[in-house]
Amino acid sequence: MAGVSGFSHLVVDVTDLDRSEAFYRDVLGLEILGRGFLNDERPNSTLAFNTHHRIVLIQVPDKVEPFRPNSSSIHHALMMNADQFDRAEERLRGLGYKIGDNRAQFRAVGDRNIDIFDPDGHRYQLQTYNPNARAFEPENVGEVVCGNVKDYKVGDVKAFVAGKFFVVRRAEGFFALSRWCTHRKGLLAWKPDHWCFYCPMHGVTYDRKGENTSYFHDVPPMSAHPLSIAADGTITVRPDELIERESFDESQLVAVPC
């Protein structure tokens, strides 16, 4: 299959071309290029973003159905930088739109989103990403004692609230993995029935080595924290120190003392 080199235009069905043109021009800020550019007998209008992308509105005689069965809506996300997002938010407030994000709990710290609907119910997400959203922020909890090696059997994964990390027991030894997802910094949960770490924000999964097993590409392995085992078997983790990893290697494990 040939690779896609870019995105040209989006076609949207509408029931009133005049009304929709006004919305996309005055609310979303698109430029109306003209009507009838599309080889279609139905009335149509082409509008431009401030990039090379276009939206084509086609007036249809029947009712538009913007919602798929068993879903919230068919939606499209429009990415902005932080300054553009601030201006869009100010303009929408001035136009009387209620600004809210019903999925704020699924976003990385500092990421922002506005949901807005066109006159026919098509949903658009105005979004901006915080470049520091995935930055490590230590909790300054110091060293955390995580029990004794005799408290763990091979295959065990135990979650710790203070410092937000897991202790994993493998046949070759122990290591501590950060609970922060390396995709968009969601808080991971251990799913023992599926033998994986799971992020509820976007569904990223990792195996017990902390390596990405989801359909998301280029997600780094889970980060680690320094772990030590005393002569008496006491396990200590330093969650305020982060170890970023490119892959799993057995040298990352701490062997159990004889």
Protein backbone atom coordinates (compact mmCIF):
# COMPACT_ATOMS: atom_id res chain seq x y z
CA MET A 1 0.00 0.00 0.00
CA ALA A 2 1.37 3.40 -0.99
CA GLY A 3 2.04 5.82 1.84
CA VAL A 4 -0.22 8.84 2.31
CA SER A 5 1.73 12.07 1.88
CA GLY A 6 -0.90 14.45 3.23
CA PHE A 7 -4.51 15.32 3.91
CA SER A 8 -6.39 17.45 1.37
CA HIS A 9 -10.00 18.05 2.38
CA LEU A 10 -12.88 16.91 4.55
CA VAL A 11 -16.41 16.55 3.13
CA VAL A 12 -19.29 17.34 5.50
CA ASP A 13 -23.01 16.88 4.81
CA VAL A 14 -25.18 19.81 5.87
CA THR A 15 -28.88 20.65 5.53
CA ASP A 16 -28.62 24.43 5.10
CA LEU A 17 -25.59 25.68 3.16
CA ASP A 18 -26.05 29.35 4.08
CA ARG A 19 -26.35 28.58 7.78
CA SER A 20 -23.35 26.24 7.76
CA GLU A 21 -21.14 28.65 5.81
CA ALA A 22 -21.83 31.30 8.44
CA PHE A 23 -20.87 28.92 11.27
CA TYR A 24 -17.62 27.71 9.70
CA ARG A 25 -16.67 31.28 8.78
CA ASP A 26 -17.68 33.19 11.92
CA VAL A 27 -17.16 30.55 14.62
CA LEU A 28 -14.33 28.32 13.37
CA GLY A 29 -12.68 31.13 11.40
CA LEU A 30 -12.46 29.44 7.99
CA GLU A 31 -12.30 31.41 4.73
CA ILE A 32 -15.06 30.83 2.18
CA LEU A 33 -13.39 30.20 -1.17
CA GLY A 34 -16.57 29.80 -3.20
CA ARG A 35 -19.39 27.52 -4.27
CA GLY A 36 -19.73 24.88 -6.95
CA PHE A 37 -16.05 23.89 -7.07
CA LEU A 38 -16.95 20.24 -6.55
CA ASN A 39 -18.20 18.17 -9.48
CA ASP A 40 -21.46 17.41 -7.70
CA GLU A 41 -24.99 18.38 -8.66
CA ARG A 42 -25.83 19.16 -5.06
CA PRO A 43 -25.11 22.67 -3.71
CA ASN A 44 -21.61 22.76 -2.23
CA SER A 45 -19.16 25.22 -0.75
CA THR A 46 -15.38 25.04 -0.25
CA LEU A 47 -13.75 26.66 2.78
CA ALA A 48 -10.10 26.96 3.75
CA PHE A 49 -8.15 26.73 6.98
CA ASN A 50 -5.05 28.89 7.38
CA THR A 51 -3.13 25.82 6.16
CA HIS A 52 -3.50 24.00 2.83
CA HIS A 53 -6.43 21.98 4.22
CA ARG A 54 -10.02 22.45 3.05
CA ILE A 55 -13.55 21.62 4.19
CA VAL A 56 -16.25 21.00 1.57
CA LEU A 57 -19.85 21.44 2.68
CA ILE A 58 -22.47 19.57 0.64
CA GLN A 59 -26.13 20.37 1.10
CA VAL A 60 -28.22 17.20 1.30
CA PRO A 61 -32.03 17.01 1.12
CA ASP A 62 -32.41 14.61 4.03
CA LYS A 63 -31.59 14.86 7.69
CA VAL A 64 -27.91 14.58 8.65
CA GLU A 65 -26.97 11.83 11.11
CA PRO A 66 -23.75 12.92 12.88
CA PHE A 67 -23.94 10.16 15.51
CA ARG A 68 -22.82 6.59 15.00
CA PRO A 69 -24.71 3.83 16.86
CA ASN A 70 -23.33 3.26 20.36
CA SER A 71 -21.01 6.28 20.22
CA SER A 72 -21.02 9.88 21.38
CA SER A 73 -20.54 11.27 17.88
CA ILE A 74 -18.47 11.31 14.73
CA HIS A 75 -15.92 13.99 15.50
CA HIS A 76 -12.85 15.71 14.08
CA ALA A 77 -9.98 17.23 16.05
CA LEU A 78 -8.39 20.53 15.02
CA MET A 79 -4.91 21.05 16.48
CA MET A 80 -3.67 24.49 17.57
CA ASN A 81 -0.73 25.91 19.42
CA ALA A 82 -1.34 27.41 22.87
CA ASP A 83 -1.71 31.01 21.64
CA GLN A 84 -4.17 30.01 18.93
CA PHE A 85 -6.17 28.02 21.45
CA ASP A 86 -6.35 30.99 23.84
CA ARG A 87 -7.68 33.21 21.05
CA ALA A 88 -10.22 30.59 19.96
CA GLU A 89 -11.43 30.15 23.52
CA GLU A 90 -11.82 33.91 23.96
CA ARG A 91 -13.74 34.23 20.68
CA LEU A 92 -16.07 31.35 21.52
CA ARG A 93 -16.83 32.76 24.95
CA GLY A 94 -17.58 36.11 23.34
CA LEU A 95 -20.02 34.38 20.98
CA GLY A 96 -21.83 32.85 23.95
CA TYR A 97 -20.59 29.28 23.67
CA LYS A 98 -20.23 27.26 26.86
CA ILE A 99 -16.64 26.08 27.16
CA GLY A 100 -16.11 22.67 28.68
CA ASP A 101 -14.31 19.36 28.32
CA ASN A 102 -16.23 16.24 29.31
CA ARG A 103 -13.11 14.07 28.91
CA ALA A 104 -10.66 16.20 30.89
CA GLN A 105 -9.79 13.22 33.11
CA PHE A 106 -8.40 11.38 30.07
CA ARG A 107 -5.93 14.10 29.06
CA ALA A 108 -2.34 14.66 30.04
CA VAL A 109 -1.59 17.44 32.49
CA GLY A 110 -1.86 20.78 30.70
CA ASP A 111 -3.50 19.43 27.52
CA ARG A 112 -6.64 21.42 26.64
CA ASN A 113 -9.74 20.72 24.59
CA ILE A 114 -12.97 22.46 23.58
CA ASP A 115 -15.93 20.56 22.11
CA ILE A 116 -18.10 22.52 19.71
CA PHE A 117 -20.97 21.43 17.42
CA ASP A 118 -21.94 22.83 14.03
CA PRO A 119 -25.63 23.54 13.20
CA ASP A 120 -26.18 19.94 12.07
CA GLY A 121 -24.56 18.39 15.15
CA HIS A 122 -21.11 17.58 13.75
CA ARG A 123 -18.68 17.64 16.64
CA TYR A 124 -15.30 19.35 16.46
CA GLN A 125 -12.56 19.21 19.06
CA LEU A 126 -10.27 22.21 19.33
CA GLN A 127 -7.11 20.92 20.98
CA THR A 128 -3.67 21.98 22.10
CA TYR A 129 -0.96 19.80 23.62
CA ASN A 130 1.24 20.90 26.48
CA PRO A 131 4.87 20.14 25.50
CA ASN A 132 5.69 19.56 29.18
CA ALA A 133 2.71 17.26 29.79
CA ARG A 134 4.86 14.14 29.99
CA ALA A 135 7.65 15.69 32.04
CA PHE A 136 8.54 13.77 35.19
CA GLU A 137 7.42 15.47 38.40
CA PRO A 138 8.83 13.75 41.51
CA GLU A 139 6.64 13.63 44.61
CA ASN A 140 9.66 14.01 46.92
CA VAL A 141 8.64 11.02 49.04
CA GLY A 142 12.20 9.77 49.52
CA GLU A 143 12.98 6.07 49.77
CA VAL A 144 10.01 3.73 50.00
CA VAL A 145 10.31 0.35 51.72
CA CYS A 146 8.37 -2.23 49.69
CA GLY A 147 8.47 -5.28 51.91
CA ASN A 148 10.78 -8.26 51.74
CA VAL A 149 11.67 -10.56 48.86
CA LYS A 150 9.92 -13.39 50.71
CA ASP A 151 6.65 -11.41 50.33
CA TYR A 152 6.80 -11.83 46.53
CA LYS A 153 6.51 -14.86 44.29
CA VAL A 154 7.65 -14.94 40.67
CA GLY A 155 5.11 -13.08 38.52
CA ASP A 156 3.88 -10.76 41.28
CA VAL A 157 3.22 -7.08 40.54
CA LYS A 158 2.48 -4.75 43.47
CA ALA A 159 1.35 -1.13 43.14
CA PHE A 160 2.49 1.59 45.55
CA VAL A 161 0.58 4.84 45.99
CA ALA A 162 3.37 6.97 47.46
CA GLY A 163 5.68 7.68 44.55
CA LYS A 164 3.32 5.96 42.07
CA PHE A 165 5.25 2.89 40.99
CA PHE A 166 5.04 -0.89 40.68
CA VAL A 167 7.42 -3.50 42.02
CA VAL A 168 7.70 -6.45 39.62
CA ARG A 169 9.10 -9.86 40.57
CA ARG A 170 10.53 -11.86 37.69
CA ALA A 171 12.41 -15.13 37.80
CA GLU A 172 15.67 -13.25 37.23
CA GLY A 173 15.05 -10.59 39.89
CA PHE A 174 13.14 -7.43 40.79
CA PHE A 175 12.65 -3.99 39.27
CA ALA A 176 10.47 -0.96 39.90
CA LEU A 177 8.41 0.62 37.11
CA SER A 178 6.80 4.06 37.11
CA ARG A 179 2.99 4.09 37.00
CA TRP A 180 3.00 7.05 34.59
CA CYS A 181 2.18 6.03 31.01
CA THR A 182 4.87 7.11 28.54
CA HIS A 183 2.22 7.87 25.87
CA ARG A 184 0.24 10.79 27.34
CA LYS A 185 1.02 10.43 31.06
CA GLY A 186 -2.03 8.56 32.23
CA LEU A 187 -1.84 6.61 35.50
CA LEU A 188 -1.38 2.93 34.74
CA ALA A 189 -3.20 0.05 36.40
CA TRP A 190 -2.06 -3.56 36.63
CA LYS A 191 -4.58 -5.99 35.07
CA PRO A 192 -3.66 -9.44 36.46
CA ASP A 193 -6.31 -11.26 34.41
CA HIS A 194 -4.68 -9.98 31.22
CA TRP A 195 -1.06 -9.91 32.43
CA CYS A 196 -0.60 -6.31 31.35
CA PHE A 197 -0.33 -2.73 32.54
CA TYR A 198 -3.24 -0.68 31.18
CA CYS A 199 -3.74 3.06 30.69
CA PRO A 200 -7.41 4.16 30.92
CA MET A 201 -6.69 7.40 29.05
CA HIS A 202 -6.07 5.92 25.59
CA GLY A 203 -5.85 2.16 26.06
CA VAL A 204 -2.07 1.76 25.89
CA THR A 205 -0.88 -1.57 27.29
CA TYR A 206 2.51 -2.86 28.45
CA ASP A 207 3.76 -6.33 29.37
CA ARG A 208 5.54 -7.19 32.65
CA LYS A 209 8.82 -6.07 31.13
CA GLY A 210 7.22 -2.64 30.75
CA GLU A 211 7.32 -2.73 26.94
CA ASN A 212 4.49 -1.39 24.78
CA THR A 213 2.08 -4.07 23.51
CA SER A 214 -0.71 -1.82 22.17
CA TYR A 215 -1.55 -0.69 18.65
CA PHE A 216 0.05 2.70 19.40
CA HIS A 217 3.40 2.95 17.66
CA ASP A 218 6.60 4.44 19.05
CA VAL A 219 5.48 4.41 22.69
CA PRO A 220 8.61 4.11 24.85
CA PRO A 221 8.82 1.41 27.54
CA MET A 222 7.64 2.28 31.02
CA SER A 223 10.25 4.23 32.95
CA ALA A 224 11.97 2.65 35.95
CA HIS A 225 13.14 3.73 39.40
CA PRO A 226 16.26 2.64 41.30
CA LEU A 227 15.58 -0.47 43.43
CA SER A 228 17.87 -2.09 45.96
CA ILE A 229 17.68 -5.25 48.05
CA ALA A 230 19.40 -5.40 51.45
CA ALA A 231 21.17 -8.46 52.79
CA ASP A 232 18.09 -9.35 54.86
CA GLY A 233 15.89 -9.17 51.74
CA THR A 234 14.32 -5.74 52.39
CA ILE A 235 13.33 -4.01 49.14
CA THR A 236 13.75 -0.25 48.84
CA VAL A 237 12.75 1.96 45.88
CA ARG A 238 13.71 5.57 45.16
CA PRO A 239 10.69 6.87 43.14
CA ASP A 240 12.01 10.43 43.04
CA GLU A 241 14.69 9.27 40.57
CA LEU A 242 13.61 8.28 37.06
CA ILE A 243 15.35 5.91 34.66
CA GLU A 244 14.16 6.24 31.06
CA ARG A 245 14.52 3.06 29.01
CA GLU A 246 14.71 2.25 25.29
CA SER A 247 13.96 -1.45 25.79
CA PHE A 248 14.02 -4.19 28.41
CA ASP A 249 17.28 -5.84 29.37
CA GLU A 250 17.92 -8.32 32.18
CA SER A 251 20.67 -6.05 33.47
CA GLN A 252 17.88 -3.72 34.66
CA LEU A 253 16.80 -6.34 37.23
CA VAL A 254 18.17 -6.61 40.73
CA ALA A 255 18.94 -10.21 41.62
CA VAL A 256 17.78 -11.73 44.90
CA PRO A 257 20.69 -12.15 47.36
CA CYS A 258 21.62 -15.69 48.28
